[in-house]
């Protein structure tokens, strides 16, 4: 039986997940086809019913705006996904002949490994831009990197429920402020994770540039299309280190490949290298 996997989200045409996953499965010699499926929140229940009715599905990557909506479509939630209430990965396990959908979160590992690859050891002064489900994963990642206090800047402070819940569950001291106050604290932070959509940080980037101050920390901009973002360009011009969103995408995809292929130990440096090459990232070994 041919195996299938896909990334679900809306919009989804820009996604590089199919390229990353196909490179990995070809290197592993596994016949898994991986596609992108455009799915809105309203359509998600129907799509999941269809997937459950079809044989051969081994996994789903889940991106915006479905990372919390998918919670209602899985049979079990495991690990940090249960703590955060944010799922970006669905794997299927056989349960007495019936596929059982398991929700998990590889975004946290993706953020941690992307920052560590850039040389980030700890995150004493941390800022997150944006307050959605990816920001909740960023809170967990910063907690893993040793941050006990995180400042989050959002466009609407009344819509920061995901990060508040994440911080409470992890014991992180959270300070949520409007994005209009973000320029100077962001420029001075040791680690900044932007989870804002493409171009949504352009205004903030212009404000930081106008400060004419050094940006000595590390910026991970989760948005990777178009690249470089204005925020990344301004940050680098100020002397700071920039981590492309593709780095996070790579490392979270590595964990998904391990789950979908069920060959965890075989997803080694050689597999990661071909995944890097498929999207133009420098080769490396974990």
Protein backbone atom coordinates (compact mmCIF):
# COMPACT_ATOMS: atom_id res chain seq x y z
CA UNK A 1 0.00 0.00 0.00
CA UNK A 2 1.33 3.45 -0.89
CA UNK A 3 1.59 5.78 2.08
CA UNK A 4 0.37 9.37 2.21
CA UNK A 5 1.08 12.48 4.24
CA UNK A 6 0.22 16.14 3.79
CA UNK A 7 0.39 19.63 5.24
CA UNK A 8 -2.97 21.25 6.03
CA UNK A 9 -3.48 25.00 6.27
CA UNK A 10 -4.82 28.13 4.64
CA UNK A 11 -3.24 29.62 2.61
CA UNK A 12 -0.82 26.81 1.85
CA UNK A 13 0.58 27.27 -1.67
CA UNK A 14 3.77 28.90 -0.31
CA UNK A 15 4.62 25.99 2.00
CA UNK A 16 8.04 24.36 1.66
CA UNK A 17 7.00 21.38 3.78
CA UNK A 18 6.36 19.14 0.73
CA UNK A 19 9.90 19.77 -0.55
CA UNK A 20 11.45 19.05 2.86
CA UNK A 21 9.46 15.90 3.48
CA UNK A 22 9.86 14.43 -0.01
CA UNK A 23 13.64 14.91 0.17
CA UNK A 24 13.69 13.01 3.46
CA UNK A 25 11.51 10.10 2.28
CA UNK A 26 13.51 9.71 -0.93
CA UNK A 27 16.73 9.55 1.07
CA UNK A 28 15.18 7.00 3.44
CA UNK A 29 13.86 4.96 0.50
CA UNK A 30 10.28 5.10 1.77
CA UNK A 31 7.32 5.42 -0.59
CA UNK A 32 5.49 8.25 1.16
CA UNK A 33 3.85 10.89 -1.03
CA UNK A 34 3.51 14.28 0.66
CA UNK A 35 1.24 17.04 -0.62
CA UNK A 36 -0.21 20.39 0.45
CA UNK A 37 -3.96 20.65 1.04
CA UNK A 38 -5.67 24.02 1.45
CA UNK A 39 -8.05 23.68 4.39
CA UNK A 40 -9.95 26.35 6.32
CA UNK A 41 -11.22 25.93 9.88
CA UNK A 42 -14.75 25.38 8.58
CA UNK A 43 -13.65 22.61 6.22
CA UNK A 44 -11.32 20.85 8.67
CA UNK A 45 -13.89 18.41 10.18
CA UNK A 46 -15.00 17.21 6.74
CA UNK A 47 -11.42 16.84 5.51
CA UNK A 48 -10.44 14.87 8.60
CA UNK A 49 -13.43 12.54 8.12
CA UNK A 50 -12.31 11.87 4.54
CA UNK A 51 -8.74 11.20 5.66
CA UNK A 52 -9.92 8.76 8.33
CA UNK A 53 -11.98 6.91 5.70
CA UNK A 54 -8.99 6.46 3.39
CA UNK A 55 -6.22 3.91 3.85
CA UNK A 56 -2.53 4.69 3.80
CA UNK A 57 -2.35 7.95 5.74
CA UNK A 58 0.68 8.09 8.02
CA UNK A 59 0.77 11.73 9.05
CA UNK A 60 -0.33 15.34 8.75
CA UNK A 61 1.56 18.57 9.29
CA UNK A 62 -0.79 21.27 10.56
CA UNK A 63 -0.17 24.96 10.08
CA UNK A 64 -2.14 28.18 10.48
CA UNK A 65 -5.00 28.65 11.16
CA UNK A 66 -5.62 25.06 12.29
CA UNK A 67 -3.23 24.43 15.19
CA UNK A 68 -5.90 24.67 17.87
CA UNK A 69 -8.90 23.63 15.75
CA UNK A 70 -7.22 20.26 15.07
CA UNK A 71 -7.47 19.44 18.78
CA UNK A 72 -11.13 18.52 18.21
CA UNK A 73 -10.23 16.14 15.35
CA UNK A 74 -7.70 13.83 17.03
CA UNK A 75 -8.15 10.88 19.38
CA UNK A 76 -5.27 11.69 21.72
CA UNK A 77 -2.92 14.60 22.39
CA UNK A 78 0.57 13.86 23.68
CA UNK A 79 3.54 15.63 25.21
CA UNK A 80 3.92 19.39 25.15
CA UNK A 81 0.95 19.66 22.78
CA UNK A 82 -1.32 18.66 25.66
CA UNK A 83 0.30 21.26 27.92
CA UNK A 84 -0.03 24.04 25.34
CA UNK A 85 -3.25 23.05 23.61
CA UNK A 86 -1.44 23.53 20.30
CA UNK A 87 -0.98 20.73 17.75
CA UNK A 88 1.08 20.99 14.56
CA UNK A 89 1.47 17.26 13.90
CA UNK A 90 -0.95 14.36 13.54
CA UNK A 91 0.38 10.82 13.25
CA UNK A 92 -1.71 7.70 12.78
CA UNK A 93 -1.37 4.52 14.82
CA UNK A 94 -3.18 1.25 14.24
CA UNK A 95 -5.57 0.41 17.04
CA UNK A 96 -7.19 -3.01 16.50
CA UNK A 97 -7.39 -2.36 12.77
CA UNK A 98 -8.64 1.22 13.11
CA UNK A 99 -6.35 4.24 12.59
CA UNK A 100 -5.98 6.34 15.73
CA UNK A 101 -5.06 10.02 15.23
CA UNK A 102 -2.39 11.27 17.65
CA UNK A 103 -1.78 15.00 18.05
CA UNK A 104 1.66 16.31 19.00
CA UNK A 105 3.76 19.46 18.74
CA UNK A 106 7.13 19.60 16.97
CA UNK A 107 7.19 23.41 16.74
CA UNK A 108 8.75 23.71 20.19
CA UNK A 109 11.64 21.44 19.23
CA UNK A 110 11.90 23.26 15.92
CA UNK A 111 12.33 26.64 17.63
CA UNK A 112 14.76 25.31 20.25
CA UNK A 113 16.99 23.57 17.71
CA UNK A 114 16.92 26.53 15.31
CA UNK A 115 18.10 28.87 18.08
CA UNK A 116 20.68 26.41 19.37
CA UNK A 117 22.07 25.96 15.86
CA UNK A 118 22.53 29.74 15.80
CA UNK A 119 24.53 29.56 19.00
CA UNK A 120 21.85 30.50 21.53
CA UNK A 121 22.54 28.74 24.81
CA UNK A 122 20.16 30.54 27.16
CA UNK A 123 17.55 33.25 26.74
CA UNK A 124 17.71 35.56 29.80
CA UNK A 125 16.01 38.49 28.03
CA UNK A 126 13.34 37.23 25.65
CA UNK A 127 10.69 38.88 23.47
CA UNK A 128 7.96 37.29 21.39
CA UNK A 129 6.13 39.22 18.67
CA UNK A 130 2.59 37.94 18.15
CA UNK A 131 0.20 36.11 20.45
CA UNK A 132 -1.23 33.15 18.55
CA UNK A 133 -0.60 29.41 18.67
CA UNK A 134 2.95 29.61 17.29
CA UNK A 135 3.71 32.20 19.98
CA UNK A 136 2.51 29.69 22.57
CA UNK A 137 5.04 27.20 21.22
CA UNK A 138 7.65 29.96 21.39
CA UNK A 139 6.89 30.43 25.11
CA UNK A 140 7.55 26.72 25.67
CA UNK A 141 10.76 26.88 23.62
CA UNK A 142 12.08 29.86 25.58
CA UNK A 143 11.17 28.10 28.81
CA UNK A 144 13.26 25.14 27.65
CA UNK A 145 16.12 27.56 26.94
CA UNK A 146 15.97 28.83 30.50
CA UNK A 147 13.77 31.92 30.27
CA UNK A 148 11.63 32.49 33.35
CA UNK A 149 10.21 35.81 32.13
CA UNK A 150 9.00 36.60 28.61
CA UNK A 151 7.61 39.82 27.16
CA UNK A 152 5.04 39.38 24.40
CA UNK A 153 3.99 42.19 22.08
CA UNK A 154 0.70 41.76 20.25
CA UNK A 155 -1.50 43.80 17.96
CA UNK A 156 -4.55 43.16 20.17
CA UNK A 157 -3.91 42.42 23.86
CA UNK A 158 -7.40 40.98 24.23
CA UNK A 159 -6.50 38.14 21.84
CA UNK A 160 -3.48 36.71 23.63
CA UNK A 161 -5.21 33.77 25.25
CA UNK A 162 -2.89 31.14 23.74
CA UNK A 163 0.27 32.68 25.19
CA UNK A 164 -1.36 33.35 28.56
CA UNK A 165 -2.43 29.70 28.80
CA UNK A 166 1.02 28.48 27.76
CA UNK A 167 2.77 30.67 30.32
CA UNK A 168 0.45 29.55 33.13
CA UNK A 169 0.94 25.88 32.33
CA UNK A 170 4.73 26.25 32.28
CA UNK A 171 5.17 28.64 35.18
CA UNK A 172 6.59 31.42 32.98
CA UNK A 173 6.19 35.05 34.07
CA UNK A 174 4.49 36.71 31.11
CA UNK A 175 4.20 40.41 30.32
CA UNK A 176 1.81 41.15 27.44
CA UNK A 177 1.98 44.59 25.86
CA UNK A 178 0.69 46.29 22.70
CA UNK A 179 2.88 46.05 19.61
CA UNK A 180 3.07 49.85 19.52
CA UNK A 181 5.40 49.69 22.55
CA UNK A 182 7.72 47.04 21.12
CA UNK A 183 10.51 48.90 19.33
CA UNK A 184 13.03 49.64 22.08
CA UNK A 185 12.48 46.49 24.23
CA UNK A 186 12.75 44.36 21.10
CA UNK A 187 15.96 46.04 19.94
CA UNK A 188 17.55 45.45 23.37
CA UNK A 189 16.49 41.82 23.85
CA UNK A 190 18.88 38.86 23.86
CA UNK A 191 16.43 36.69 21.92
CA UNK A 192 13.46 37.77 19.80
CA UNK A 193 11.01 35.36 18.18
CA UNK A 194 8.67 36.95 15.66
CA UNK A 195 5.57 34.85 14.99
CA UNK A 196 3.85 37.62 13.06
CA UNK A 197 2.59 36.97 9.52
CA UNK A 198 4.71 38.13 6.55
CA UNK A 199 5.11 41.93 6.44
CA UNK A 200 3.14 42.40 9.68
CA UNK A 201 6.38 43.44 11.41
CA UNK A 202 7.39 45.99 8.74
CA UNK A 203 6.20 48.96 10.79
CA UNK A 204 8.05 47.75 13.87
CA UNK A 205 11.18 47.17 11.78
CA UNK A 206 11.05 50.78 10.59
CA UNK A 207 10.74 51.97 14.20
CA UNK A 208 13.75 49.90 15.26
CA UNK A 209 15.79 51.27 12.35
CA UNK A 210 14.87 54.81 13.40
CA UNK A 211 16.25 54.18 16.90
CA UNK A 212 19.74 53.83 15.38
CA UNK A 213 20.71 51.47 18.18
CA UNK A 214 22.63 48.21 18.03
CA UNK A 215 20.66 44.96 17.86
CA UNK A 216 23.10 42.58 19.52
CA UNK A 217 20.72 39.70 20.16
CA UNK A 218 19.28 36.92 18.01
CA UNK A 219 16.11 37.27 15.94
CA UNK A 220 14.18 34.23 14.76
CA UNK A 221 11.60 35.36 12.22
CA UNK A 222 9.18 32.47 11.75
CA UNK A 223 7.81 33.94 8.50
CA UNK A 224 10.05 32.78 5.64
CA UNK A 225 8.26 34.05 2.54
CA UNK A 226 9.29 36.59 1.35
CA UNK A 227 12.84 36.40 2.67
CA UNK A 228 14.65 38.31 3.96
CA UNK A 229 11.87 40.12 5.77
CA UNK A 230 12.29 43.81 6.51
CA UNK A 231 12.62 42.94 10.20
CA UNK A 232 15.45 40.51 9.44
CA UNK A 233 17.25 43.06 7.25
CA UNK A 234 17.00 45.82 9.87
CA UNK A 235 18.10 43.45 12.62
CA UNK A 236 21.14 42.29 10.69
CA UNK A 237 22.06 45.85 9.74
CA UNK A 238 22.09 46.68 13.46
CA UNK A 239 24.63 43.94 14.11
CA UNK A 240 22.32 41.22 15.38
CA UNK A 241 22.18 37.58 14.33
CA UNK A 242 19.21 36.46 12.22
CA UNK A 243 17.73 32.96 12.16
CA UNK A 244 15.52 32.39 9.09
CA UNK A 245 12.12 30.85 9.62
CA UNK A 246 13.25 28.02 7.35
CA UNK A 247 15.51 26.83 10.18
CA UNK A 248 12.51 26.32 12.45
CA UNK A 249 10.59 24.69 9.60
CA UNK A 250 13.49 22.32 8.99
CA UNK A 251 13.88 21.17 12.58
CA UNK A 252 10.17 20.71 13.23
CA UNK A 253 9.93 18.75 9.97
CA UNK A 254 12.79 16.46 11.07
CA UNK A 255 10.69 15.42 14.07
CA UNK A 256 7.64 14.90 11.86
CA UNK A 257 9.60 12.71 9.47
CA UNK A 258 10.68 10.57 12.42
CA UNK A 259 7.04 10.15 13.44
CA UNK A 260 5.59 9.59 9.96
CA UNK A 261 8.30 7.20 8.75
CA UNK A 262 8.57 5.33 12.06
CA UNK A 263 12.32 5.23 11.45
CA UNK A 264 13.44 7.63 14.14
CA UNK A 265 17.03 6.41 14.41
CA UNK A 266 17.46 6.43 10.62
CA UNK A 267 16.59 10.13 10.33
CA UNK A 268 20.25 11.03 10.77
CA UNK A 269 22.66 13.72 9.59
CA UNK A 270 22.56 12.43 6.01
CA UNK A 271 18.77 12.80 5.89
CA UNK A 272 18.92 16.26 7.46
CA UNK A 273 21.54 17.28 4.91
CA UNK A 274 19.32 16.46 1.94
CA UNK A 275 16.42 18.26 3.63
CA UNK A 276 18.63 21.34 3.99
CA UNK A 277 19.72 21.14 0.37
CA UNK A 278 16.11 20.88 -0.81
CA UNK A 279 15.27 24.37 0.51
CA UNK A 280 18.67 26.05 0.13
CA UNK A 281 19.83 25.86 3.75
CA UNK A 282 23.47 25.16 4.61
CA UNK A 283 24.12 21.50 5.32
CA UNK A 284 24.76 20.52 8.93
CA UNK A 285 24.54 17.60 11.35
CA UNK A 286 22.45 17.52 14.51
